[in-house]
Amino acid sequence: MSASPQRKDAVRNRAAILDATRALMAGSAALLVLAVSQVANPVYGMMYVALFGVGSMLGMGALSTVIAVPLAVSARWLTWANRGLQGAVGTITIGIGVMAIYTNLLS
């Protein structure tokens, strides 16, 4: 038994909202605070924060699309390629995480 189309849409929408939220809460928030603290006019500071938020959401959306489209296309027509892409993305992600942990623990 498969999920209804409405359920699948709800899951996709929830994932998009979580991605947008994660983009806003990324580690670059500290840099945003430092940059805004240097702005003399509070209106310009708020404009900078808004521009940063929109840019973060658009960037995360674009990156998610770049990753998701090949996976979705390959899942439909090229099952073997889909498994390879998922394995490659997983391996690269784990590698980046291990590098980040290694770098942060040694510095």
PDB file of N, CA and C in Angstrom:
ATOM      1  N   MET A   1       0.835  -1.165   0.000  1.00  0.00           N
ATOM      2  CA  MET A   1       0.000   0.000   0.000  1.00  0.00           C
ATOM      3  C   MET A   1       0.890   1.241   0.000  1.00  0.00           C
ATOM      4  N   SER A   2       0.632   2.183  -0.894  1.00  0.00           N
ATOM      5  CA  SER A   2       1.482   3.368  -0.957  1.00  0.00           C
ATOM      6  C   SER A   2       0.763   4.566  -0.354  1.00  0.00           C
ATOM      7  N   ALA A   3       1.542   5.572  -0.029  1.00  0.00           N
ATOM      8  CA  ALA A   3       0.990   6.774   0.580  1.00  0.00           C
ATOM      9  C   ALA A   3       0.184   7.564  -0.443  1.00  0.00           C
ATOM     10  N   SER A   4      -0.788   8.301   0.064  1.00  0.00           N
ATOM     11  CA  SER A   4      -1.627   9.109  -0.823  1.00  0.00           C
ATOM     12  C   SER A   4      -0.825  10.286  -1.374  1.00  0.00           C
ATOM     13  N   PRO A   5      -1.251  10.845  -2.522  1.00  0.00           N
ATOM     14  CA  PRO A   5      -0.542  12.008  -3.081  1.00  0.00           C
ATOM     15  C   PRO A   5      -0.535  13.203  -2.129  1.00  0.00           C
ATOM     16  N   GLN A   6      -1.628  13.375  -1.366  1.00  0.00           N
ATOM     17  CA  GLN A   6      -1.664  14.496  -0.419  1.00  0.00           C
ATOM     18  C   GLN A   6      -0.621  14.307   0.675  1.00  0.00           C
ATOM     19  N   ARG A   7      -0.448  13.081   1.116  1.00  0.00           N
ATOM     20  CA  ARG A   7       0.541  12.790   2.158  1.00  0.00           C
ATOM     21  C   ARG A   7       1.952  13.066   1.646  1.00  0.00           C
ATOM     22  N   LYS A   8       2.226  12.659   0.409  1.00  0.00           N
ATOM     23  CA  LYS A   8       3.548  12.896  -0.175  1.00  0.00           C
ATOM     24  C   LYS A   8       3.816  14.387  -0.306  1.00  0.00           C
ATOM     25  N   ASP A   9       2.802  15.165  -0.709  1.00  0.00           N
ATOM     26  CA  ASP A   9       2.965  16.615  -0.819  1.00  0.00           C
ATOM     27  C   ASP A   9       3.231  17.238   0.546  1.00  0.00           C
ATOM     28  N   ALA A  10       2.548  16.750   1.573  1.00  0.00           N
ATOM     29  CA  ALA A  10       2.749  17.281   2.925  1.00  0.00           C
ATOM     30  C   ALA A  10       4.172  17.014   3.396  1.00  0.00           C
ATOM     31  N   VAL A  11       4.683  15.832   3.098  1.00  0.00           N
ATOM     32  CA  VAL A  11       6.053  15.490   3.500  1.00  0.00           C
ATOM     33  C   VAL A  11       7.048  16.384   2.764  1.00  0.00           C
ATOM     34  N   ARG A  12       6.825  16.598   1.451  1.00  0.00           N
ATOM     35  CA  ARG A  12       7.722  17.478   0.681  1.00  0.00           C
ATOM     36  C   ARG A  12       7.686  18.904   1.214  1.00  0.00           C
ATOM     37  N   ASN A  13       6.492  19.408   1.530  1.00  0.00           N
ATOM     38  CA  ASN A  13       6.372  20.768   2.050  1.00  0.00           C
ATOM     39  C   ASN A  13       7.066  20.903   3.396  1.00  0.00           C
ATOM     40  N   ARG A  14       6.907  19.903   4.235  1.00  0.00           N
ATOM     41  CA  ARG A  14       7.552  19.940   5.550  1.00  0.00           C
ATOM     42  C   ARG A  14       9.073  19.940   5.391  1.00  0.00           C
ATOM     43  N   ALA A  15       9.581  19.134   4.463  1.00  0.00           N
ATOM     44  CA  ALA A  15      11.021  19.103   4.219  1.00  0.00           C
ATOM     45  C   ALA A  15      11.519  20.448   3.715  1.00  0.00           C
ATOM     46  N   ALA A  16      10.757  21.092   2.840  1.00  0.00           N
ATOM     47  CA  ALA A  16      11.158  22.402   2.317  1.00  0.00           C
ATOM     48  C   ALA A  16      11.189  23.443   3.438  1.00  0.00           C
ATOM     49  N   ILE A  17      10.219  23.399   4.324  1.00  0.00           N
ATOM     50  CA  ILE A  17      10.184  24.348   5.444  1.00  0.00           C
ATOM     51  C   ILE A  17      11.364  24.103   6.376  1.00  0.00           C
ATOM     52  N   LEU A  18      11.671  22.847   6.655  1.00  0.00           N
ATOM     53  CA  LEU A  18      12.819  22.536   7.515  1.00  0.00           C
ATOM     54  C   LEU A  18      14.129  22.982   6.875  1.00  0.00           C
ATOM     55  N   ASP A  19      14.258  22.800   5.558  1.00  0.00           N
ATOM     56  CA  ASP A  19      15.463  23.254   4.855  1.00  0.00           C
ATOM     57  C   ASP A  19      15.611  24.764   4.942  1.00  0.00           C
ATOM     58  N   ALA A  20      14.507  25.477   4.757  1.00  0.00           N
ATOM     59  CA  ALA A  20      14.555  26.935   4.829  1.00  0.00           C
ATOM     60  C   ALA A  20      14.931  27.390   6.235  1.00  0.00           C
ATOM     61  N   THR A  21      14.381  26.742   7.252  1.00  0.00           N
ATOM     62  CA  THR A  21      14.703  27.091   8.636  1.00  0.00           C
ATOM     63  C   THR A  21      16.169  26.802   8.940  1.00  0.00           C
ATOM     64  N   ARG A  22      16.635  25.648   8.476  1.00  0.00           N
ATOM     65  CA  ARG A  22      18.042  25.295   8.708  1.00  0.00           C
ATOM     66  C   ARG A  22      18.971  26.297   8.033  1.00  0.00           C
ATOM     67  N   ALA A  23      18.569  26.780   6.865  1.00  0.00           N
ATOM     68  CA  ALA A  23      19.391  27.768   6.169  1.00  0.00           C
ATOM     69  C   ALA A  23      19.513  29.047   6.995  1.00  0.00           C
ATOM     70  N   LEU A  24      18.434  29.426   7.643  1.00  0.00           N
ATOM     71  CA  LEU A  24      18.473  30.640   8.458  1.00  0.00           C
ATOM     72  C   LEU A  24      19.257  30.446   9.754  1.00  0.00           C
ATOM     73  N   MET A  25      19.285  29.222  10.247  1.00  0.00           N
ATOM     74  CA  MET A  25      19.943  28.953  11.522  1.00  0.00           C
ATOM     75  C   MET A  25      21.350  28.392  11.345  1.00  0.00           C
ATOM     76  N   ALA A  26      21.910  28.515  10.184  1.00  0.00           N
ATOM     77  CA  ALA A  26      23.230  27.944   9.907  1.00  0.00           C
ATOM     78  C   ALA A  26      24.304  28.638  10.747  1.00  0.00           C
ATOM     79  N   GLY A  27      25.496  28.071  10.740  1.00  0.00           N
ATOM     80  CA  GLY A  27      26.592  28.591  11.540  1.00  0.00           C
ATOM     81  C   GLY A  27      27.033  29.992  11.167  1.00  0.00           C
ATOM     82  N   SER A  28      26.577  30.489  10.042  1.00  0.00           N
ATOM     83  CA  SER A  28      26.959  31.832   9.630  1.00  0.00           C
ATOM     84  C   SER A  28      26.193  32.913  10.386  1.00  0.00           C
ATOM     85  N   ALA A  29      25.334  32.524  11.304  1.00  0.00           N
ATOM     86  CA  ALA A  29      24.585  33.513  12.080  1.00  0.00           C
ATOM     87  C   ALA A  29      25.517  34.402  12.904  1.00  0.00           C
ATOM     88  N   ALA A  30      26.603  33.832  13.390  1.00  0.00           N
ATOM     89  CA  ALA A  30      27.559  34.643  14.158  1.00  0.00           C
ATOM     90  C   ALA A  30      28.173  35.724  13.278  1.00  0.00           C
ATOM     91  N   LEU A  31      28.485  35.384  12.044  1.00  0.00           N
ATOM     92  CA  LEU A  31      29.014  36.390  11.121  1.00  0.00           C
ATOM     93  C   LEU A  31      27.976  37.458  10.819  1.00  0.00           C
ATOM     94  N   LEU A  32      26.727  37.049  10.730  1.00  0.00           N
ATOM     95  CA  LEU A  32      25.644  38.010  10.494  1.00  0.00           C
ATOM     96  C   LEU A  32      25.565  39.000  11.655  1.00  0.00           C
ATOM     97  N   VAL A  33      25.640  38.509  12.869  1.00  0.00           N
ATOM     98  CA  VAL A  33      25.581  39.381  14.045  1.00  0.00           C
ATOM     99  C   VAL A  33      26.761  40.354  14.043  1.00  0.00           C
ATOM    100  N   LEU A  34      27.949  39.865  13.725  1.00  0.00           N
ATOM    101  CA  LEU A  34      29.120  40.756  13.676  1.00  0.00           C
ATOM    102  C   LEU A  34      28.954  41.831  12.600  1.00  0.00           C
ATOM    103  N   ALA A  35      28.462  41.444  11.445  1.00  0.00           N
ATOM    104  CA  ALA A  35      28.297  42.415  10.357  1.00  0.00           C
ATOM    105  C   ALA A  35      27.237  43.450  10.699  1.00  0.00           C
ATOM    106  N   VAL A  36      26.132  43.002  11.260  1.00  0.00           N
ATOM    107  CA  VAL A  36      25.044  43.930  11.592  1.00  0.00           C
ATOM    108  C   VAL A  36      25.458  44.868  12.720  1.00  0.00           C
ATOM    109  N   SER A  37      26.290  44.407  13.638  1.00  0.00           N
ATOM    110  CA  SER A  37      26.708  45.265  14.752  1.00  0.00           C
ATOM    111  C   SER A  37      27.565  46.438  14.280  1.00  0.00           C
ATOM    112  N   GLN A  38      28.125  46.333  13.081  1.00  0.00           N
ATOM    113  CA  GLN A  38      28.961  47.398  12.547  1.00  0.00           C
ATOM    114  C   GLN A  38      28.182  48.439  11.738  1.00  0.00           C
ATOM    115  N   VAL A  39      26.894  48.171  11.497  1.00  0.00           N
ATOM    116  CA  VAL A  39      26.066  49.089  10.710  1.00  0.00           C
ATOM    117  C   VAL A  39      25.552  50.191  11.632  1.00  0.00           C
ATOM    118  N   ALA A  40      25.714  51.429  11.199  1.00  0.00           N
ATOM    119  CA  ALA A  40      25.319  52.564  12.032  1.00  0.00           C
ATOM    120  C   ALA A  40      23.805  52.744  12.097  1.00  0.00           C
ATOM    121  N   ASN A  41      23.099  52.505  10.983  1.00  0.00           N
ATOM    122  CA  ASN A  41      21.663  52.729  10.918  1.00  0.00           C
ATOM    123  C   ASN A  41      20.914  51.413  11.131  1.00  0.00           C
ATOM    124  N   PRO A  42      20.019  51.344  12.135  1.00  0.00           N
ATOM    125  CA  PRO A  42      19.289  50.100  12.396  1.00  0.00           C
ATOM    126  C   PRO A  42      18.436  49.630  11.208  1.00  0.00           C
ATOM    127  N   VAL A  43      17.945  50.575  10.416  1.00  0.00           N
ATOM    128  CA  VAL A  43      17.144  50.192   9.242  1.00  0.00           C
ATOM    129  C   VAL A  43      18.008  49.417   8.252  1.00  0.00           C
ATOM    130  N   TYR A  44      19.225  49.877   8.032  1.00  0.00           N
ATOM    131  CA  TYR A  44      20.139  49.162   7.140  1.00  0.00           C
ATOM    132  C   TYR A  44      20.494  47.792   7.709  1.00  0.00           C
ATOM    133  N   GLY A  45      20.632  47.722   9.020  1.00  0.00           N
ATOM    134  CA  GLY A  45      20.909  46.446   9.660  1.00  0.00           C
ATOM    135  C   GLY A  45      19.781  45.446   9.436  1.00  0.00           C
ATOM    136  N   MET A  46      18.540  45.901   9.577  1.00  0.00           N
ATOM    137  CA  MET A  46      17.394  45.022   9.349  1.00  0.00           C
ATOM    138  C   MET A  46      17.292  44.612   7.881  1.00  0.00           C
ATOM    139  N   MET A  47      17.622  45.541   6.984  1.00  0.00           N
ATOM    140  CA  MET A  47      17.614  45.203   5.556  1.00  0.00           C
ATOM    141  C   MET A  47      18.672  44.137   5.264  1.00  0.00           C
ATOM    142  N   TYR A  48      19.821  44.260   5.901  1.00  0.00           N
ATOM    143  CA  TYR A  48      20.891  43.273   5.716  1.00  0.00           C
ATOM    144  C   TYR A  48      20.452  41.902   6.214  1.00  0.00           C
ATOM    145  N   VAL A  49      19.798  41.869   7.382  1.00  0.00           N
ATOM    146  CA  VAL A  49      19.311  40.604   7.937  1.00  0.00           C
ATOM    147  C   VAL A  49      18.284  39.977   6.989  1.00  0.00           C
ATOM    148  N   ALA A  50      17.363  40.800   6.471  1.00  0.00           N
ATOM    149  CA  ALA A  50      16.346  40.287   5.542  1.00  0.00           C
ATOM    150  C   ALA A  50      16.999  39.756   4.269  1.00  0.00           C
ATOM    151  N   LEU A  51      17.956  40.492   3.734  1.00  0.00           N
ATOM    152  CA  LEU A  51      18.651  40.053   2.523  1.00  0.00           C
ATOM    153  C   LEU A  51      19.417  38.749   2.778  1.00  0.00           C
ATOM    154  N   PHE A  52      20.043  38.653   3.927  1.00  0.00           N
ATOM    155  CA  PHE A  52      20.759  37.438   4.296  1.00  0.00           C
ATOM    156  C   PHE A  52      19.800  36.255   4.384  1.00  0.00           C
ATOM    157  N   GLY A  53      18.652  36.462   5.007  1.00  0.00           N
ATOM    158  CA  GLY A  53      17.664  35.389   5.153  1.00  0.00           C
ATOM    159  C   GLY A  53      17.134  34.913   3.812  1.00  0.00           C
ATOM    160  N   VAL A  54      16.789  35.840   2.945  1.00  0.00           N
ATOM    161  CA  VAL A  54      16.282  35.468   1.621  1.00  0.00           C
ATOM    162  C   VAL A  54      17.370  34.755   0.824  1.00  0.00           C
ATOM    163  N   GLY A  55      18.574  35.273   0.854  1.00  0.00           N
ATOM    164  CA  GLY A  55      19.677  34.643   0.133  1.00  0.00           C
ATOM    165  C   GLY A  55      19.982  33.246   0.645  1.00  0.00           C
ATOM    166  N   SER A  56      19.919  33.065   1.962  1.00  0.00           N
ATOM    167  CA  SER A  56      20.149  31.746   2.548  1.00  0.00           C
ATOM    168  C   SER A  56      19.085  30.754   2.102  1.00  0.00           C
ATOM    169  N   MET A  57      17.832  31.191   2.121  1.00  0.00           N
ATOM    170  CA  MET A  57      16.752  30.284   1.709  1.00  0.00           C
ATOM    171  C   MET A  57      16.859  29.928   0.234  1.00  0.00           C
ATOM    172  N   LEU A  58      17.153  30.916  -0.601  1.00  0.00           N
ATOM    173  CA  LEU A  58      17.294  30.638  -2.034  1.00  0.00           C
ATOM    174  C   LEU A  58      18.489  29.723  -2.298  1.00  0.00           C
ATOM    175  N   GLY A  59      19.580  29.980  -1.616  1.00  0.00           N
ATOM    176  CA  GLY A  59      20.766  29.147  -1.793  1.00  0.00           C
ATOM    177  C   GLY A  59      20.537  27.708  -1.359  1.00  0.00           C
ATOM    178  N   MET A  60      19.906  27.514  -0.207  1.00  0.00           N
ATOM    179  CA  MET A  60      19.621  26.156   0.253  1.00  0.00           C
ATOM    180  C   MET A  60      18.622  25.462  -0.664  1.00  0.00           C
ATOM    181  N   GLY A  61      17.644  26.217  -1.160  1.00  0.00           N
ATOM    182  CA  GLY A  61      16.690  25.633  -2.101  1.00  0.00           C
ATOM    183  C   GLY A  61      17.368  25.195  -3.385  1.00  0.00           C
ATOM    184  N   ALA A  62      18.261  26.036  -3.888  1.00  0.00           N
ATOM    185  CA  ALA A  62      18.979  25.698  -5.120  1.00  0.00           C
ATOM    186  C   ALA A  62      19.877  24.485  -4.906  1.00  0.00           C
ATOM    187  N   LEU A  63      20.580  24.453  -3.795  1.00  0.00           N
ATOM    188  CA  LEU A  63      21.450  23.315  -3.508  1.00  0.00           C
ATOM    189  C   LEU A  63      20.646  22.029  -3.334  1.00  0.00           C
ATOM    190  N   SER A  64      19.518  22.113  -2.655  1.00  0.00           N
ATOM    191  CA  SER A  64      18.657  20.943  -2.494  1.00  0.00           C
ATOM    192  C   SER A  64      18.153  20.448  -3.839  1.00  0.00           C
ATOM    193  N   THR A  65      17.824  21.375  -4.734  1.00  0.00           N
ATOM    194  CA  THR A  65      17.353  21.001  -6.066  1.00  0.00           C
ATOM    195  C   THR A  65      18.465  20.327  -6.861  1.00  0.00           C
ATOM    196  N   VAL A  66      19.658  20.889  -6.783  1.00  0.00           N
ATOM    197  CA  VAL A  66      20.792  20.314  -7.516  1.00  0.00           C
ATOM    198  C   VAL A  66      21.058  18.877  -7.065  1.00  0.00           C
ATOM    199  N   ILE A  67      20.856  18.616  -5.794  1.00  0.00           N
ATOM    200  CA  ILE A  67      21.067  17.263  -5.287  1.00  0.00           C
ATOM    201  C   ILE A  67      19.859  16.370  -5.566  1.00  0.00           C
ATOM    202  N   ALA A  68      18.645  16.902  -5.396  1.00  0.00           N
ATOM    203  CA  ALA A  68      17.438  16.074  -5.482  1.00  0.00           C
ATOM    204  C   ALA A  68      17.056  15.686  -6.904  1.00  0.00           C
ATOM    205  N   VAL A  69      17.245  16.574  -7.873  1.00  0.00           N
ATOM    206  CA  VAL A  69      16.797  16.279  -9.237  1.00  0.00           C
ATOM    207  C   VAL A  69      17.501  15.050  -9.824  1.00  0.00           C
ATOM    208  N   PRO A  70      18.831  14.967  -9.771  1.00  0.00           N
ATOM    209  CA  PRO A  70      19.460  13.748 -10.308  1.00  0.00           C
ATOM    210  C   PRO A  70      19.028  12.487  -9.576  1.00  0.00           C
ATOM    211  N   LEU A  71      18.828  12.587  -8.266  1.00  0.00           N
ATOM    212  CA  LEU A  71      18.387  11.417  -7.510  1.00  0.00           C
ATOM    213  C   LEU A  71      16.977  10.998  -7.917  1.00  0.00           C
ATOM    214  N   ALA A  72      16.076  11.968  -8.096  1.00  0.00           N
ATOM    215  CA  ALA A  72      14.700  11.650  -8.489  1.00  0.00           C
ATOM    216  C   ALA A  72      14.649  11.065  -9.896  1.00  0.00           C
ATOM    217  N   VAL A  73      15.398  11.653 -10.819  1.00  0.00           N
ATOM    218  CA  VAL A  73      15.404  11.159 -12.203  1.00  0.00           C
ATOM    219  C   VAL A  73      15.993   9.756 -12.262  1.00  0.00           C
ATOM    220  N   SER A  74      17.100   9.545 -11.565  1.00  0.00           N
ATOM    221  CA  SER A  74      17.732   8.234 -11.610  1.00  0.00           C
ATOM    222  C   SER A  74      16.891   7.180 -10.894  1.00  0.00           C
ATOM    223  N   ALA A  75      16.115   7.582  -9.888  1.00  0.00           N
ATOM    224  CA  ALA A  75      15.264   6.622  -9.181  1.00  0.00           C
ATOM    225  C   ALA A  75      14.174   6.098 -10.102  1.00  0.00           C
ATOM    226  N   ARG A  76      13.715   6.942 -11.006  1.00  0.00           N
ATOM    227  CA  ARG A  76      12.647   6.543 -11.907  1.00  0.00           C
ATOM    228  C   ARG A  76      13.126   5.623 -13.017  1.00  0.00           C
ATOM    229  N   TRP A  77      14.242   5.973 -13.643  1.00  0.00           N
ATOM    230  CA  TRP A  77      14.648   5.272 -14.857  1.00  0.00           C
ATOM    231  C   TRP A  77      15.918   4.447 -14.726  1.00  0.00           C
ATOM    232  N   LEU A  78      16.781   4.844 -13.835  1.00  0.00           N
ATOM    233  CA  LEU A  78      18.078   4.162 -13.725  1.00  0.00           C
ATOM    234  C   LEU A  78      18.322   3.751 -12.274  1.00  0.00           C
ATOM    235  N   THR A  79      17.728   2.654 -11.876  1.00  0.00           N
ATOM    236  CA  THR A  79      17.815   2.223 -10.482  1.00  0.00           C
ATOM    237  C   THR A  79      19.263   2.026 -10.041  1.00  0.00           C
ATOM    238  N   TRP A  80      20.085   1.423 -10.892  1.00  0.00           N
ATOM    239  CA  TRP A  80      21.485   1.185 -10.529  1.00  0.00           C
ATOM    240  C   TRP A  80      22.229   2.501 -10.343  1.00  0.00           C
ATOM    241  N   ALA A  81      21.926   3.493 -11.193  1.00  0.00           N
ATOM    242  CA  ALA A  81      22.582   4.804 -11.057  1.00  0.00           C
ATOM    243  C   ALA A  81      22.105   5.508  -9.795  1.00  0.00           C
ATOM    244  N   ASN A  82      20.835   5.322  -9.456  1.00  0.00           N
ATOM    245  CA  ASN A  82      20.301   5.939  -8.243  1.00  0.00           C
ATOM    246  C   ASN A  82      21.017   5.410  -7.012  1.00  0.00           C
ATOM    247  N   ARG A  83      21.211   4.120  -6.972  1.00  0.00           N
ATOM    248  CA  ARG A  83      21.926   3.541  -5.820  1.00  0.00           C
ATOM    249  C   ARG A  83      23.357   4.067  -5.753  1.00  0.00           C
ATOM    250  N   GLY A  84      23.992   4.209  -6.904  1.00  0.00           N
ATOM    251  CA  GLY A  84      25.345   4.756  -6.936  1.00  0.00           C
ATOM    252  C   GLY A  84      25.391   6.207  -6.485  1.00  0.00           C
ATOM    253  N   LEU A  85      24.414   7.014  -6.949  1.00  0.00           N
ATOM    254  CA  LEU A  85      24.359   8.419  -6.537  1.00  0.00           C
ATOM    255  C   LEU A  85      24.103   8.544  -5.040  1.00  0.00           C
ATOM    256  N   GLN A  86      23.190   7.746  -4.523  1.00  0.00           N
ATOM    257  CA  GLN A  86      22.909   7.800  -3.086  1.00  0.00           C
ATOM    258  C   GLN A  86      24.139   7.398  -2.274  1.00  0.00           C
ATOM    259  N   GLY A  87      24.832   6.378  -2.746  1.00  0.00           N
ATOM    260  CA  GLY A  87      26.053   5.960  -2.063  1.00  0.00           C
ATOM    261  C   GLY A  87      27.123   7.039  -2.106  1.00  0.00           C
ATOM    262  N   ALA A  88      27.269   7.689  -3.271  1.00  0.00           N
ATOM    263  CA  ALA A  88      28.272   8.750  -3.417  1.00  0.00           C
ATOM    264  C   ALA A  88      27.934   9.942  -2.527  1.00  0.00           C
ATOM    265  N   VAL A  89      26.673  10.360  -2.537  1.00  0.00           N
ATOM    266  CA  VAL A  89      26.265  11.496  -1.696  1.00  0.00           C
ATOM    267  C   VAL A  89      26.468  11.150  -0.226  1.00  0.00           C
ATOM    268  N   GLY A  90      26.087   9.944   0.179  1.00  0.00           N
ATOM    269  CA  GLY A  90      26.278   9.532   1.567  1.00  0.00           C
ATOM    270  C   GLY A  90      27.742   9.490   1.965  1.00  0.00           C
ATOM    271  N   THR A  91      28.582   8.941   1.088  1.00  0.00           N
ATOM    272  CA  THR A  91      30.015   8.853   1.375  1.00  0.00           C
ATOM    273  C   THR A  91      30.648  10.232   1.488  1.00  0.00           C
ATOM    274  N   ILE A  92      30.307  11.115   0.559  1.00  0.00           N
ATOM    275  CA  ILE A  92      30.851  12.482   0.592  1.00  0.00           C
ATOM    276  C   ILE A  92      30.388  13.209   1.845  1.00  0.00           C
ATOM    277  N   THR A  93      29.118  13.053   2.200  1.00  0.00           N
ATOM    278  CA  THR A  93      28.590  13.714   3.395  1.00  0.00           C
ATOM    279  C   THR A  93      29.283  13.211   4.654  1.00  0.00           C
ATOM    280  N   ILE A  94      29.465  11.914   4.750  1.00  0.00           N
ATOM    281  CA  ILE A  94      30.170  11.351   5.910  1.00  0.00           C
ATOM    282  C   ILE A  94      31.615  11.846   5.937  1.00  0.00           C
ATOM    283  N   GLY A  95      32.258  11.901   4.777  1.00  0.00           N
ATOM    284  CA  GLY A  95      33.625  12.402   4.702  1.00  0.00           C
ATOM    285  C   GLY A  95      33.744  13.844   5.169  1.00  0.00           C
ATOM    286  N   ILE A  96      32.803  14.675   4.747  1.00  0.00           N
ATOM    287  CA  ILE A  96      32.811  16.081   5.174  1.00  0.00           C
ATOM    288  C   ILE A  96      32.613  16.171   6.683  1.00  0.00           C
ATOM    289  N   GLY A  97      31.701  15.360   7.216  1.00  0.00           N
ATOM    290  CA  GLY A  97      31.463  15.363   8.659  1.00  0.00           C
ATOM    291  C   GLY A  97      32.679  14.914   9.440  1.00  0.00           C
ATOM    292  N   VAL A  98      33.337  13.857   8.967  1.00  0.00           N
ATOM    293  CA  VAL A  98      34.542  13.364   9.643  1.00  0.00           C
ATOM    294  C   VAL A  98      35.648  14.419   9.585  1.00  0.00           C
ATOM    295  N   MET A  99      35.801  15.063   8.424  1.00  0.00           N
ATOM    296  CA  MET A  99      36.810  16.130   8.304  1.00  0.00           C
ATOM    297  C   MET A  99      36.522  17.274   9.269  1.00  0.00           C
ATOM    298  N   ALA A 100      35.248  17.668   9.371  1.00  0.00           N
ATOM    299  CA  ALA A 100      34.886  18.764  10.263  1.00  0.00           C
ATOM    300  C   ALA A 100      35.168  18.394  11.720  1.00  0.00           C
ATOM    301  N   ILE A 101      34.815  17.182  12.104  1.00  0.00           N
ATOM    302  CA  ILE A 101      35.083  16.739  13.479  1.00  0.00           C
ATOM    303  C   ILE A 101      36.585  16.678  13.728  1.00  0.00           C
ATOM    304  N   TYR A 102      37.321  16.097  12.817  1.00  0.00           N
ATOM    305  CA  TYR A 102      38.776  15.971  12.956  1.00  0.00           C
ATOM    306  C   TYR A 102      39.430  17.354  13.075  1.00  0.00           C
ATOM    307  N   THR A 103      39.029  18.262  12.196  1.00  0.00           N
ATOM    308  CA  THR A 103      39.597  19.614  12.196  1.00  0.00           C
ATOM    309  C   THR A 103      39.287  20.348  13.493  1.00  0.00           C
ATOM    310  N   ASN A 104      38.041  20.247  13.959  1.00  0.00           N
ATOM    311  CA  ASN A 104      37.633  20.975  15.163  1.00  0.00           C
ATOM    312  C   ASN A 104      38.217  20.374  16.425  1.00  0.00           C
ATOM    313  N   LEU A 105      38.421  19.078  16.444  1.00  0.00           N
ATOM    314  CA  LEU A 105      38.974  18.461  17.643  1.00  0.00           C
ATOM    315  C   LEU A 105      40.477  18.712  17.766  1.00  0.00           C
ATOM    316  N   LEU A 106      41.151  18.876  16.647  1.00  0.00           N
ATOM    317  CA  LEU A 106      42.599  19.087  16.679  1.00  0.00           C
ATOM    318  C   LEU A 106      43.022  20.550  16.724  1.00  0.00           C
ATOM    319  N   SER A 107      42.078  21.446  16.544  1.00  0.00           N
ATOM    320  CA  SER A 107      42.469  22.870  16.564  1.00  0.00           C
ATOM    321  C   SER A 107      41.997  23.572  17.796  1.00  0.00           C
TER     322      SER A 107
END
